[in-house]
Structure formats: structure tokens, C-alpha cells
PDB file of N, CA and C in Angstrom:
ATOM      1  N   LEU A   1       3.668  10.742  12.322  1.00  0.00           N
ATOM      2  CA  LEU A   1       2.516  10.046  12.887  1.00  0.00           C
ATOM      3  C   LEU A   1       2.294   8.755  12.118  1.00  0.00           C
ATOM      4  N   HIS A   2       2.344   7.613  12.775  1.00  0.00           N
ATOM      5  CA  HIS A   2       1.991   6.355  12.126  1.00  0.00           C
ATOM      6  C   HIS A   2       1.491   5.377  13.168  1.00  0.00           C
ATOM      7  N   ASN A   3       0.384   4.739  12.863  1.00  0.00           N
ATOM      8  CA  ASN A   3      -0.213   3.732  13.729  1.00  0.00           C
ATOM      9  C   ASN A   3      -0.562   2.531  12.876  1.00  0.00           C
ATOM     10  N   SER A   4      -0.340   1.346  13.394  1.00  0.00           N
ATOM     11  CA  SER A   4      -0.701   0.142  12.670  1.00  0.00           C
ATOM     12  C   SER A   4      -2.216  -0.017  12.657  1.00  0.00           C
ATOM     13  N   LEU A   5      -2.784  -0.226  11.467  1.00  0.00           N
ATOM     14  CA  LEU A   5      -4.228  -0.444  11.334  1.00  0.00           C
ATOM     15  C   LEU A   5      -4.566  -1.914  11.168  1.00  0.00           C
ATOM     16  N   GLY A   6      -3.601  -2.706  10.688  1.00  0.00           N
ATOM     17  CA  GLY A   6      -3.840  -4.123  10.497  1.00  0.00           C
ATOM     18  C   GLY A   6      -2.647  -4.779   9.840  1.00  0.00           C
ATOM     19  N   GLU A   7      -2.603  -6.104   9.944  1.00  0.00           N
ATOM     20  CA  GLU A   7      -1.464  -6.829   9.391  1.00  0.00           C
ATOM     21  C   GLU A   7      -1.914  -8.193   8.909  1.00  0.00           C
ATOM     22  N   GLY A   8      -1.335  -8.622   7.787  1.00  0.00           N
ATOM     23  CA  GLY A   8      -1.590  -9.945   7.234  1.00  0.00           C
ATOM     24  C   GLY A   8      -0.288 -10.694   7.086  1.00  0.00           C
ATOM     25  N   ALA A   9      -0.329 -11.813   6.382  1.00  0.00           N
ATOM     26  CA  ALA A   9       0.864 -12.645   6.224  1.00  0.00           C
ATOM     27  C   ALA A   9       1.969 -11.922   5.462  1.00  0.00           C
ATOM     28  N   TYR A  10       1.608 -11.133   4.451  1.00  0.00           N
ATOM     29  CA  TYR A  10       2.610 -10.491   3.599  1.00  0.00           C
ATOM     30  C   TYR A  10       2.517  -8.974   3.576  1.00  0.00           C
ATOM     31  N   SER A  11       1.616  -8.411   4.351  1.00  0.00           N
ATOM     32  CA  SER A  11       1.449  -6.956   4.290  1.00  0.00           C
ATOM     33  C   SER A  11       0.991  -6.397   5.629  1.00  0.00           C
ATOM     34  N   ALA A  12       1.133  -5.095   5.744  1.00  0.00           N
ATOM     35  CA  ALA A  12       0.655  -4.365   6.920  1.00  0.00           C
ATOM     36  C   ALA A  12       0.133  -3.022   6.433  1.00  0.00           C
ATOM     37  N   VAL A  13      -0.853  -2.478   7.139  1.00  0.00           N
ATOM     38  CA  VAL A  13      -1.437  -1.183   6.787  1.00  0.00           C
ATOM     39  C   VAL A  13      -1.248  -0.244   7.966  1.00  0.00           C
ATOM     40  N   TYR A  14      -0.803   0.968   7.653  1.00  0.00           N
ATOM     41  CA  TYR A  14      -0.528   1.977   8.671  1.00  0.00           C
ATOM     42  C   TYR A  14      -1.316   3.247   8.388  1.00  0.00           C
ATOM     43  N   LYS A  15      -1.686   3.927   9.444  1.00  0.00           N
ATOM     44  CA  LYS A  15      -2.250   5.275   9.334  1.00  0.00           C
ATOM     45  C   LYS A  15      -1.051   6.218   9.430  1.00  0.00           C
ATOM     46  N   VAL A  16      -0.855   7.047   8.379  1.00  0.00           N
ATOM     47  CA  VAL A  16       0.311   7.916   8.321  1.00  0.00           C
ATOM     48  C   VAL A  16      -0.099   9.337   7.969  1.00  0.00           C
ATOM     49  N   GLN A  17       0.767  10.275   8.307  1.00  0.00           N
ATOM     50  CA  GLN A  17       0.570  11.659   7.908  1.00  0.00           C
ATOM     51  C   GLN A  17       1.642  12.003   6.889  1.00  0.00           C
ATOM     52  N   ARG A  18       1.209  12.398   5.706  1.00  0.00           N
ATOM     53  CA  ARG A  18       2.131  12.724   4.618  1.00  0.00           C
ATOM     54  C   ARG A  18       2.783  14.072   4.888  1.00  0.00           C
ATOM     55  N   LEU A  19       4.093  14.122   4.785  1.00  0.00           N
ATOM     56  CA  LEU A  19       4.830  15.348   5.091  1.00  0.00           C
ATOM     57  C   LEU A  19       4.532  16.474   4.108  1.00  0.00           C
ATOM     58  N   THR A  20       4.324  16.135   2.829  1.00  0.00           N
ATOM     59  CA  THR A  20       4.160  17.187   1.820  1.00  0.00           C
ATOM     60  C   THR A  20       2.843  17.934   1.913  1.00  0.00           C
ATOM     61  N   ASP A  21       1.780  17.270   2.403  1.00  0.00           N
ATOM     62  CA  ASP A  21       0.487  17.960   2.486  1.00  0.00           C
ATOM     63  C   ASP A  21      -0.160  17.912   3.864  1.00  0.00           C
ATOM     64  N   GLY A  22       0.435  17.196   4.808  1.00  0.00           N
ATOM     65  CA  GLY A  22      -0.091  17.134   6.169  1.00  0.00           C
ATOM     66  C   GLY A  22      -1.354  16.299   6.323  1.00  0.00           C
ATOM     67  N   LYS A  23      -1.823  15.663   5.243  1.00  0.00           N
ATOM     68  CA  LYS A  23      -3.058  14.870   5.299  1.00  0.00           C
ATOM     69  C   LYS A  23      -2.783  13.467   5.806  1.00  0.00           C
ATOM     70  N   LEU A  24      -3.833  12.838   6.342  1.00  0.00           N
ATOM     71  CA  LEU A  24      -3.736  11.466   6.832  1.00  0.00           C
ATOM     72  C   LEU A  24      -4.062  10.483   5.713  1.00  0.00           C
ATOM     73  N   TYR A  25      -3.318   9.382   5.665  1.00  0.00           N
ATOM     74  CA  TYR A  25      -3.506   8.363   4.648  1.00  0.00           C
ATOM     75  C   TYR A  25      -3.371   6.976   5.260  1.00  0.00           C
ATOM     76  N   ALA A  26      -3.935   5.987   4.569  1.00  0.00           N
ATOM     77  CA  ALA A  26      -3.652   4.587   4.874  1.00  0.00           C
ATOM     78  C   ALA A  26      -2.515   4.179   3.953  1.00  0.00           C
ATOM     79  N   LEU A  27      -1.457   3.615   4.504  1.00  0.00           N
ATOM     80  CA  LEU A  27      -0.285   3.207   3.741  1.00  0.00           C
ATOM     81  C   LEU A  27      -0.094   1.711   3.917  1.00  0.00           C
ATOM     82  N   LYS A  28      -0.138   0.976   2.796  1.00  0.00           N
ATOM     83  CA  LYS A  28       0.014  -0.476   2.846  1.00  0.00           C
ATOM     84  C   LYS A  28       1.424  -0.848   2.408  1.00  0.00           C
ATOM     85  N   ARG A  29       2.060  -1.684   3.193  1.00  0.00           N
ATOM     86  CA  ARG A  29       3.395  -2.197   2.867  1.00  0.00           C
ATOM     87  C   ARG A  29       3.262  -3.671   2.502  1.00  0.00           C
ATOM     88  N   VAL A  30       3.699  -4.020   1.295  1.00  0.00           N
ATOM     89  CA  VAL A  30       3.689  -5.414   0.840  1.00  0.00           C
ATOM     90  C   VAL A  30       5.133  -5.879   0.774  1.00  0.00           C
ATOM     91  N   LYS A  31       5.445  -6.922   1.516  1.00  0.00           N
ATOM     92  CA  LYS A  31       6.809  -7.460   1.560  1.00  0.00           C
ATOM     93  C   LYS A  31       7.010  -8.392   0.365  1.00  0.00           C
ATOM     94  N   ILE A  32       7.459  -7.828  -0.733  1.00  0.00           N
ATOM     95  CA  ILE A  32       7.580  -8.537  -2.001  1.00  0.00           C
ATOM     96  C   ILE A  32       8.569  -9.701  -1.926  1.00  0.00           C
ATOM     97  N   LEU A  33       9.622  -9.563  -1.159  1.00  0.00           N
ATOM     98  CA  LEU A  33      10.670 -10.579  -1.078  1.00  0.00           C
ATOM     99  C   LEU A  33      10.104 -11.954  -0.735  1.00  0.00           C
ATOM    100  N   ASN A  34       9.061 -12.005   0.060  1.00  0.00           N
ATOM    101  CA  ASN A  34       8.491 -13.272   0.521  1.00  0.00           C
ATOM    102  C   ASN A  34       7.420 -13.834  -0.413  1.00  0.00           C
ATOM    103  N   LEU A  35       7.119 -13.147  -1.505  1.00  0.00           N
ATOM    104  CA  LEU A  35       6.024 -13.566  -2.372  1.00  0.00           C
ATOM    105  C   LEU A  35       6.506 -14.395  -3.552  1.00  0.00           C
ATOM    106  N   ASN A  36       5.662 -15.356  -3.967  1.00  0.00           N
ATOM    107  CA  ASN A  36       5.965 -16.078  -5.198  1.00  0.00           C
ATOM    108  C   ASN A  36       5.494 -15.224  -6.383  1.00  0.00           C
ATOM    109  N   GLU A  37       5.744 -15.669  -7.609  1.00  0.00           N
ATOM    110  CA  GLU A  37       5.435 -14.857  -8.792  1.00  0.00           C
ATOM    111  C   GLU A  37       3.945 -14.524  -8.898  1.00  0.00           C
ATOM    112  N   LYS A  38       3.079 -15.474  -8.604  1.00  0.00           N
ATOM    113  CA  LYS A  38       1.628 -15.240  -8.673  1.00  0.00           C
ATOM    114  C   LYS A  38       1.206 -14.191  -7.645  1.00  0.00           C
ATOM    115  N   GLU A  39       1.741 -14.284  -6.452  1.00  0.00           N
ATOM    116  CA  GLU A  39       1.408 -13.309  -5.401  1.00  0.00           C
ATOM    117  C   GLU A  39       1.919 -11.914  -5.763  1.00  0.00           C
ATOM    118  N   LYS A  40       3.087 -11.841  -6.401  1.00  0.00           N
ATOM    119  CA  LYS A  40       3.603 -10.544  -6.861  1.00  0.00           C
ATOM    120  C   LYS A  40       2.675  -9.937  -7.903  1.00  0.00           C
ATOM    121  N   GLU A  41       2.228 -10.766  -8.834  1.00  0.00           N
ATOM    122  CA  GLU A  41       1.296 -10.289  -9.853  1.00  0.00           C
ATOM    123  C   GLU A  41      -0.012  -9.819  -9.224  1.00  0.00           C
ATOM    124  N   ASN A  42      -0.512 -10.556  -8.233  1.00  0.00           N
ATOM    125  CA  ASN A  42      -1.741 -10.159  -7.538  1.00  0.00           C
ATOM    126  C   ASN A  42      -1.569  -8.813  -6.833  1.00  0.00           C
ATOM    127  N   ALA A  43      -0.405  -8.583  -6.237  1.00  0.00           N
ATOM    128  CA  ALA A  43      -0.142  -7.299  -5.564  1.00  0.00           C
ATOM    129  C   ALA A  43      -0.166  -6.159  -6.574  1.00  0.00           C
ATOM    130  N   LEU A  44       0.439  -6.361  -7.747  1.00  0.00           N
ATOM    131  CA  LEU A  44       0.430  -5.329  -8.782  1.00  0.00           C
ATOM    132  C   LEU A  44      -0.969  -5.111  -9.343  1.00  0.00           C
ATOM    133  N   ASN A  45      -1.745  -6.186  -9.490  1.00  0.00           N
ATOM    134  CA  ASN A  45      -3.129  -6.042  -9.944  1.00  0.00           C
ATOM    135  C   ASN A  45      -3.966  -5.263  -8.938  1.00  0.00           C
ATOM    136  N   GLU A  46      -3.725  -5.476  -7.651  1.00  0.00           N
ATOM    137  CA  GLU A  46      -4.440  -4.729  -6.619  1.00  0.00           C
ATOM    138  C   GLU A  46      -4.169  -3.230  -6.763  1.00  0.00           C
ATOM    139  N   ILE A  47      -2.933  -2.874  -7.041  1.00  0.00           N
ATOM    140  CA  ILE A  47      -2.581  -1.465  -7.237  1.00  0.00           C
ATOM    141  C   ILE A  47      -3.318  -0.894  -8.442  1.00  0.00           C
ATOM    142  N   ARG A  48      -3.332  -1.655  -9.534  1.00  0.00           N
ATOM    143  CA  ARG A  48      -4.031  -1.191 -10.738  1.00  0.00           C
ATOM    144  C   ARG A  48      -5.522  -0.974 -10.476  1.00  0.00           C
ATOM    145  N   ILE A  49      -6.126  -1.907  -9.753  1.00  0.00           N
ATOM    146  CA  ILE A  49      -7.561  -1.798  -9.445  1.00  0.00           C
ATOM    147  C   ILE A  49      -7.819  -0.594  -8.547  1.00  0.00           C
ATOM    148  N   LEU A  50      -7.032  -0.450  -7.489  1.00  0.00           N
ATOM    149  CA  LEU A  50      -7.214   0.694  -6.586  1.00  0.00           C
ATOM    150  C   LEU A  50      -7.037   2.019  -7.319  1.00  0.00           C
ATOM    151  N   ALA A  51      -6.074   2.086  -8.225  1.00  0.00           N
ATOM    152  CA  ALA A  51      -5.817   3.314  -8.969  1.00  0.00           C
ATOM    153  C   ALA A  51      -6.978   3.670  -9.892  1.00  0.00           C
ATOM    154  N   SER A  52      -7.734   2.677 -10.335  1.00  0.00           N
ATOM    155  CA  SER A  52      -8.822   2.935 -11.277  1.00  0.00           C
ATOM    156  C   SER A  52     -10.180   3.163 -10.604  1.00  0.00           C
ATOM    157  N   LEU A  53     -10.295   2.882  -9.314  1.00  0.00           N
ATOM    158  CA  LEU A  53     -11.583   3.020  -8.621  1.00  0.00           C
ATOM    159  C   LEU A  53     -12.013   4.474  -8.470  1.00  0.00           C
ATOM    160  N   ARG A  54     -13.273   4.716  -8.745  1.00  0.00           N
ATOM    161  CA  ARG A  54     -13.878   6.029  -8.507  1.00  0.00           C
ATOM    162  C   ARG A  54     -15.255   5.781  -7.914  1.00  0.00           C
ATOM    163  N   HIS A  55     -15.365   5.846  -6.593  1.00  0.00           N
ATOM    164  CA  HIS A  55     -16.628   5.577  -5.905  1.00  0.00           C
ATOM    165  C   HIS A  55     -16.689   6.449  -4.660  1.00  0.00           C
ATOM    166  N   PRO A  56     -17.870   7.002  -4.332  1.00  0.00           N
ATOM    167  CA  PRO A  56     -17.976   7.896  -3.167  1.00  0.00           C
ATOM    168  C   PRO A  56     -17.657   7.227  -1.830  1.00  0.00           C
ATOM    169  N   ASN A  57     -17.745   5.908  -1.758  1.00  0.00           N
ATOM    170  CA  ASN A  57     -17.455   5.198  -0.508  1.00  0.00           C
ATOM    171  C   ASN A  57     -16.026   4.675  -0.423  1.00  0.00           C
ATOM    172  N   VAL A  58     -15.204   4.996  -1.417  1.00  0.00           N
ATOM    173  CA  VAL A  58     -13.821   4.530  -1.445  1.00  0.00           C
ATOM    174  C   VAL A  58     -12.887   5.733  -1.476  1.00  0.00           C
ATOM    175  N   ILE A  59     -11.964   5.777  -0.547  1.00  0.00           N
ATOM    176  CA  ILE A  59     -10.960   6.831  -0.546  1.00  0.00           C
ATOM    177  C   ILE A  59     -10.044   6.597  -1.738  1.00  0.00           C
ATOM    178  N   LEU A  60      -9.672   7.645  -2.418  1.00  0.00           N
ATOM    179  CA  LEU A  60      -8.886   7.512  -3.635  1.00  0.00           C
ATOM    180  C   LEU A  60      -7.466   7.016  -3.382  1.00  0.00           C
ATOM    181  N   TYR A  61      -7.003   6.247  -4.329  1.00  0.00           N
ATOM    182  CA  TYR A  61      -5.621   5.784  -4.365  1.00  0.00           C
ATOM    183  C   TYR A  61      -4.726   6.979  -4.674  1.00  0.00           C
ATOM    184  N   LYS A  62      -3.614   7.109  -4.002  1.00  0.00           N
ATOM    185  CA  LYS A  62      -2.726   8.246  -4.214  1.00  0.00           C
ATOM    186  C   LYS A  62      -1.502   7.871  -5.049  1.00  0.00           C
ATOM    187  N   GLU A  63      -0.703   6.900  -4.590  1.00  0.00           N
ATOM    188  CA  GLU A  63       0.498   6.513  -5.325  1.00  0.00           C
ATOM    189  C   GLU A  63       1.065   5.226  -4.757  1.00  0.00           C
ATOM    190  N   ALA A  64       2.005   4.644  -5.487  1.00  0.00           N
ATOM    191  CA  ALA A  64       2.746   3.469  -5.020  1.00  0.00           C
ATOM    192  C   ALA A  64       4.223   3.728  -5.263  1.00  0.00           C
ATOM    193  N   PHE A  65       5.059   3.117  -4.427  1.00  0.00           N
ATOM    194  CA  PHE A  65       6.498   3.260  -4.641  1.00  0.00           C
ATOM    195  C   PHE A  65       7.222   2.041  -4.088  1.00  0.00           C
ATOM    196  N   TRP A  66       8.401   1.793  -4.638  1.00  0.00           N
ATOM    197  CA  TRP A  66       9.247   0.669  -4.253  1.00  0.00           C
ATOM    198  C   TRP A  66      10.349   1.170  -3.331  1.00  0.00           C
ATOM    199  N   GLU A  67      10.576   0.464  -2.231  1.00  0.00           N
ATOM    200  CA  GLU A  67      11.679   0.781  -1.332  1.00  0.00           C
ATOM    201  C   GLU A  67      12.698  -0.357  -1.422  1.00  0.00           C
ATOM    202  N   GLU A  68      13.838  -0.064  -1.997  1.00  0.00           N
ATOM    203  CA  GLU A  68      14.858  -1.089  -2.225  1.00  0.00           C
ATOM    204  C   GLU A  68      15.404  -1.656  -0.916  1.00  0.00           C
ATOM    205  N   LYS A  69      15.615  -0.797   0.072  1.00  0.00           N
ATOM    206  CA  LYS A  69      16.219  -1.225   1.341  1.00  0.00           C
ATOM    207  C   LYS A  69      15.409  -2.369   1.997  1.00  0.00           C
ATOM    208  N   SER A  70      14.099  -2.225   2.036  1.00  0.00           N
ATOM    209  CA  SER A  70      13.263  -3.226   2.683  1.00  0.00           C
ATOM    210  C   SER A  70      12.663  -4.228   1.697  1.00  0.00           C
ATOM    211  N   LYS A  71      12.927  -4.028   0.396  1.00  0.00           N
ATOM    212  CA  LYS A  71      12.335  -4.861  -0.658  1.00  0.00           C
ATOM    213  C   LYS A  71      10.820  -4.897  -0.517  1.00  0.00           C
ATOM    214  N   SER A  72      10.244  -3.705  -0.325  1.00  0.00           N
ATOM    215  CA  SER A  72       8.800  -3.602  -0.102  1.00  0.00           C
ATOM    216  C   SER A  72       8.158  -2.655  -1.098  1.00  0.00           C
ATOM    217  N   LEU A  73       6.935  -3.001  -1.451  1.00  0.00           N
ATOM    218  CA  LEU A  73       6.093  -2.135  -2.253  1.00  0.00           C
ATOM    219  C   LEU A  73       5.184  -1.389  -1.294  1.00  0.00           C
ATOM    220  N   TRP A  74       5.160  -0.087  -1.392  1.00  0.00           N
ATOM    221  CA  TRP A  74       4.344   0.746  -0.510  1.00  0.00           C
ATOM    222  C   TRP A  74       3.253   1.401  -1.319  1.00  0.00           C
TER     223      TRP A  74
END
């Protein structure tokens, strides 16, 4: 199950169902290949911030991973 939730210049967000637990998640794909060094750093900072957030109105960050084939950060 995956549906596009939104798309920007360098990223897209999908609604996905994780195979290991069957739960629904928002999955963001950042196309790193097209980013300059500052934009790459900003993408990594976004991951760090999301991983550290603890707020009742924010769904928790689960994980990030690199896909070599597409040169994308997920």
C-alpha cells in the first residue's frame, strides 16, 4: 500500500504500510543526488530534529535509510 501525499522539488512523501508490523507510516524520499552540500546537510539536520521530537501532536520518527540504487535517503 502506498499513496503519494505530497511532492516538492527534491522530495516526495508517501503513505505506506510497513511489512514488518502492518502499521501505516508517512515515508519521505529525498533525492540526494540532486542536492548541493548545504541542502544535503539540511536534509540530515531534518532527520536529527525529527528523531529528537517528543510532542503529543507529532507522530514519532521511526528510522532513516539510504537506498544506493536510487541515490535516495528515505
